[in-house]
C-alpha atoms as a PDB file:
ATOM      1  CA  UNK A   1      19.002  29.570 -25.304  1.00  0.00           C
ATOM      2  CA  UNK A   2      17.159  27.559 -22.635  1.00  0.00           C
ATOM      3  CA  UNK A   3      15.299  29.633 -20.136  1.00  0.00           C
ATOM      4  CA  UNK A   4      16.495  29.995 -16.548  1.00  0.00           C
ATOM      5  CA  UNK A   5      13.643  27.889 -15.132  1.00  0.00           C
ATOM      6  CA  UNK A   6      14.604  24.910 -17.309  1.00  0.00           C
ATOM      7  CA  UNK A   7      18.216  25.211 -16.207  1.00  0.00           C
ATOM      8  CA  UNK A   8      17.183  25.352 -12.547  1.00  0.00           C
ATOM      9  CA  UNK A   9      14.983  22.281 -12.949  1.00  0.00           C
ATOM     10  CA  UNK A  10      17.782  20.392 -14.662  1.00  0.00           C
ATOM     11  CA  UNK A  11      20.216  21.361 -11.892  1.00  0.00           C
ATOM     12  CA  UNK A  12      17.750  20.208  -9.216  1.00  0.00           C
ATOM     13  CA  UNK A  13      17.278  16.883 -10.998  1.00  0.00           C
ATOM     14  CA  UNK A  14      21.018  16.440 -11.292  1.00  0.00           C
ATOM     15  CA  UNK A  15      21.480  17.172  -7.594  1.00  0.00           C
ATOM     16  CA  UNK A  16      18.831  14.589  -6.631  1.00  0.00           C
ATOM     17  CA  UNK A  17      20.378  11.998  -8.938  1.00  0.00           C
ATOM     18  CA  UNK A  18      23.833  12.658  -7.491  1.00  0.00           C
ATOM     19  CA  UNK A  19      22.526  12.224  -3.946  1.00  0.00           C
ATOM     20  CA  UNK A  20      20.855   8.938  -4.911  1.00  0.00           C
ATOM     21  CA  UNK A  21      24.059   7.704  -6.543  1.00  0.00           C
ATOM     22  CA  UNK A  22      26.155   8.675  -3.521  1.00  0.00           C
ATOM     23  CA  UNK A  23      23.756   6.928  -1.150  1.00  0.00           C
ATOM     24  CA  UNK A  24      23.778   3.834  -3.336  1.00  0.00           C
ATOM     25  CA  UNK A  25      27.588   3.841  -3.369  1.00  0.00           C
ATOM     26  CA  UNK A  26      27.688   4.028   0.417  1.00  0.00           C
ATOM     27  CA  UNK A  27      25.625   0.826   0.490  1.00  0.00           C
ATOM     28  CA  UNK A  28      27.941  -1.039  -1.900  1.00  0.00           C
ATOM     29  CA  UNK A  29      31.256  -2.515  -0.852  1.00  0.00           C
ATOM     30  CA  UNK A  30      34.359  -4.019  -2.379  1.00  0.00           C
ATOM     31  CA  UNK A  31      36.789  -6.463  -0.816  1.00  0.00           C
ATOM     32  CA  UNK A  32      40.504  -6.895  -1.336  1.00  0.00           C
ATOM     33  CA  UNK A  33      42.951  -9.345   0.162  1.00  0.00           C
ATOM     34  CA  UNK A  34      46.701  -9.651   0.470  1.00  0.00           C
ATOM     35  CA  UNK A  35      49.067 -12.388   1.559  1.00  0.00           C
ATOM     36  CA  UNK A  36      47.136 -15.033  -0.317  1.00  0.00           C
ATOM     37  CA  UNK A  37      43.937 -14.184   1.540  1.00  0.00           C
ATOM     38  CA  UNK A  38      45.559 -13.850   4.954  1.00  0.00           C
ATOM     39  CA  UNK A  39      44.427 -10.201   5.303  1.00  0.00           C
ATOM     40  CA  UNK A  40      41.026  -9.129   3.967  1.00  0.00           C
ATOM     41  CA  UNK A  41      39.666  -5.586   3.863  1.00  0.00           C
ATOM     42  CA  UNK A  42      36.175  -4.410   2.916  1.00  0.00           C
ATOM     43  CA  UNK A  43      35.626  -0.777   1.879  1.00  0.00           C
ATOM     44  CA  UNK A  44      32.309   0.869   1.035  1.00  0.00           C
ATOM     45  CA  UNK A  45      31.786   2.761  -2.196  1.00  0.00           C
ATOM     46  CA  UNK A  46      32.164   6.039  -0.328  1.00  0.00           C
ATOM     47  CA  UNK A  47      35.653   5.015   0.877  1.00  0.00           C
ATOM     48  CA  UNK A  48      34.886   3.951   4.444  1.00  0.00           C
ATOM     49  CA  UNK A  49      36.758   0.908   5.739  1.00  0.00           C
ATOM     50  CA  UNK A  50      34.062  -1.491   6.904  1.00  0.00           C
ATOM     51  CA  UNK A  51      36.134  -4.423   8.113  1.00  0.00           C
ATOM     52  CA  UNK A  52      39.610  -5.883   8.368  1.00  0.00           C
ATOM     53  CA  UNK A  53      40.029  -9.622   8.919  1.00  0.00           C
ATOM     54  CA  UNK A  54      43.437 -11.095   9.733  1.00  0.00           C
ATOM     55  CA  UNK A  55      44.097 -14.830   9.707  1.00  0.00           C
ATOM     56  CA  UNK A  56      45.731 -15.700  13.060  1.00  0.00           C
ATOM     57  CA  UNK A  57      48.359 -17.751  11.195  1.00  0.00           C
ATOM     58  CA  UNK A  58      49.914 -14.536   9.845  1.00  0.00           C
ATOM     59  CA  UNK A  59      50.327 -12.965  13.304  1.00  0.00           C
ATOM     60  CA  UNK A  60      53.972 -13.354  14.282  1.00  0.00           C
ATOM     61  CA  UNK A  61      55.052 -11.084  17.143  1.00  0.00           C
ATOM     62  CA  UNK A  62      58.643 -11.266  15.961  1.00  0.00           C
ATOM     63  CA  UNK A  63      57.701  -9.985  12.480  1.00  0.00           C
ATOM     64  CA  UNK A  64      55.137  -7.208  12.963  1.00  0.00           C
ATOM     65  CA  UNK A  65      56.480  -5.467   9.857  1.00  0.00           C
ATOM     66  CA  UNK A  66      55.201  -8.219   7.573  1.00  0.00           C
ATOM     67  CA  UNK A  67      51.686  -7.948   9.024  1.00  0.00           C
ATOM     68  CA  UNK A  68      51.787  -4.166   8.713  1.00  0.00           C
ATOM     69  CA  UNK A  69      52.766  -4.508   5.038  1.00  0.00           C
ATOM     70  CA  UNK A  70      49.948  -6.998   4.379  1.00  0.00           C
ATOM     71  CA  UNK A  71      47.361  -4.760   6.052  1.00  0.00           C
ATOM     72  CA  UNK A  72      48.598  -1.723   4.160  1.00  0.00           C
ATOM     73  CA  UNK A  73      48.486  -3.597   0.840  1.00  0.00           C
ATOM     74  CA  UNK A  74      44.953  -4.853   1.488  1.00  0.00           C
ATOM     75  CA  UNK A  75      43.657  -1.428   2.574  1.00  0.00           C
ATOM     76  CA  UNK A  76      45.291   0.279  -0.402  1.00  0.00           C
ATOM     77  CA  UNK A  77      43.873  -2.277  -2.833  1.00  0.00           C
ATOM     78  CA  UNK A  78      40.373  -2.052  -1.361  1.00  0.00           C
ATOM     79  CA  UNK A  79      40.392   1.754  -1.441  1.00  0.00           C
ATOM     80  CA  UNK A  80      41.533   1.759  -5.067  1.00  0.00           C
ATOM     81  CA  UNK A  81      38.791  -0.739  -5.961  1.00  0.00           C
ATOM     82  CA  UNK A  82      36.193   1.417  -4.174  1.00  0.00           C
ATOM     83  CA  UNK A  83      37.377   4.531  -6.019  1.00  0.00           C
ATOM     84  CA  UNK A  84      37.168   2.677  -9.347  1.00  0.00           C
ATOM     85  CA  UNK A  85      33.630   1.515  -8.527  1.00  0.00           C
ATOM     86  CA  UNK A  86      32.654   5.067  -7.557  1.00  0.00           C
ATOM     87  CA  UNK A  87      34.127   6.524 -10.735  1.00  0.00           C
ATOM     88  CA  UNK A  88      32.296   3.977 -12.877  1.00  0.00           C
ATOM     89  CA  UNK A  89      28.956   4.637 -11.170  1.00  0.00           C
ATOM     90  CA  UNK A  90      29.295   8.416 -11.414  1.00  0.00           C
ATOM     91  CA  UNK A  91      30.354   8.129 -15.059  1.00  0.00           C
ATOM     92  CA  UNK A  92      27.151   6.197 -15.796  1.00  0.00           C
ATOM     93  CA  UNK A  93      25.139   8.968 -14.162  1.00  0.00           C
ATOM     94  CA  UNK A  94      27.010  11.649 -16.096  1.00  0.00           C
ATOM     95  CA  UNK A  95      26.552   9.811 -19.386  1.00  0.00           C
ATOM     96  CA  UNK A  96      22.841   9.449 -18.718  1.00  0.00           C
ATOM     97  CA  UNK A  97      22.581  13.186 -18.187  1.00  0.00           C
ATOM     98  CA  UNK A  98      24.680  14.037 -21.232  1.00  0.00           C
ATOM     99  CA  UNK A  99      27.525  15.421 -19.120  1.00  0.00           C
ATOM    100  CA  UNK A 100      31.259  14.795 -19.193  1.00  0.00           C
ATOM    101  CA  UNK A 101      32.716  12.545 -16.476  1.00  0.00           C
ATOM    102  CA  UNK A 102      31.988  13.952 -13.024  1.00  0.00           C
ATOM    103  CA  UNK A 103      34.902  12.128 -11.368  1.00  0.00           C
ATOM    104  CA  UNK A 104      38.330  11.189 -12.568  1.00  0.00           C
END
């Protein structure tokens, strides 16, 4: 049975590695577009929406619902891509430490 000091050191190392991975994820970003590139959303690896770009050609005051749908689709896609990136990065960290997946 490993001694308590070894376990504490391993836990401290894991905590530092997790913090590094989370900081690195916050610096990374993914982009997603909808409407054939008319609406583009960028989300950081920690899930923060960084930007939304809307092509003026898609802005039709008589059809706000279409623009709302395009924005929603782009945001949803970008957030899913960011979550996938986060899961993959954390899984690499977990595998390197000999642990099961940390995120699912």
